[in-house]
Protein backbone atom coordinates (compact mmCIF):
# COMPACT_ATOMS: atom_id res chain seq x y z
CA UNK A 1 34.97 26.14 15.47
CA UNK A 2 35.57 29.14 13.16
CA UNK A 3 33.39 27.77 10.40
CA UNK A 4 30.56 27.36 12.93
CA UNK A 5 31.09 30.83 14.27
CA UNK A 6 31.06 32.36 10.69
CA UNK A 7 27.88 30.45 9.87
CA UNK A 8 26.07 31.82 12.93
CA UNK A 9 27.17 35.36 12.06
CA UNK A 10 25.99 34.90 8.46
CA UNK A 11 22.59 33.58 9.44
CA UNK A 12 22.28 36.48 11.98
CA UNK A 13 23.17 39.04 9.32
CA UNK A 14 20.64 37.77 6.89
CA UNK A 15 17.96 37.83 9.57
CA UNK A 16 18.86 41.43 10.46
CA UNK A 17 18.78 42.50 6.79
CA UNK A 18 15.37 40.76 6.32
CA UNK A 19 14.03 42.41 9.46
CA UNK A 20 15.25 45.80 8.37
CA UNK A 21 13.76 45.38 4.95
CA UNK A 22 10.45 44.21 6.38
CA UNK A 23 10.30 47.23 8.64
CA UNK A 24 11.02 49.62 5.89
CA UNK A 25 8.43 48.14 3.52
CA UNK A 26 5.62 47.54 6.07
CA UNK A 27 6.28 50.23 8.51
CA UNK A 28 6.01 47.72 11.41
CA UNK A 29 8.46 45.50 13.23
CA UNK A 30 8.39 41.68 13.23
CA UNK A 31 8.81 41.55 17.00
CA UNK A 32 7.86 44.17 19.60
CA UNK A 33 10.30 47.05 20.36
CA UNK A 34 10.99 45.89 23.87
CA UNK A 35 12.26 42.47 22.56
CA UNK A 36 14.41 44.20 19.98
CA UNK A 37 16.02 46.41 22.61
CA UNK A 38 16.63 43.49 24.93
CA UNK A 39 18.17 41.43 22.05
CA UNK A 40 20.47 44.26 20.99
CA UNK A 41 21.57 44.94 24.54
CA UNK A 42 22.40 41.34 25.32
CA UNK A 43 24.03 40.89 21.92
CA UNK A 44 26.36 43.78 22.56
CA UNK A 45 27.55 42.49 25.93
């Protein structure tokens, strides 16, 4: 169970790093702002 949880966190972290890098380089987000806000809100709950 812990290995699976750590793998999910690792994949999520790489996705977040990639999305942040994309946003810095291109000046635009991969997904719309409303989806980002919804995802962050539900992830923090």
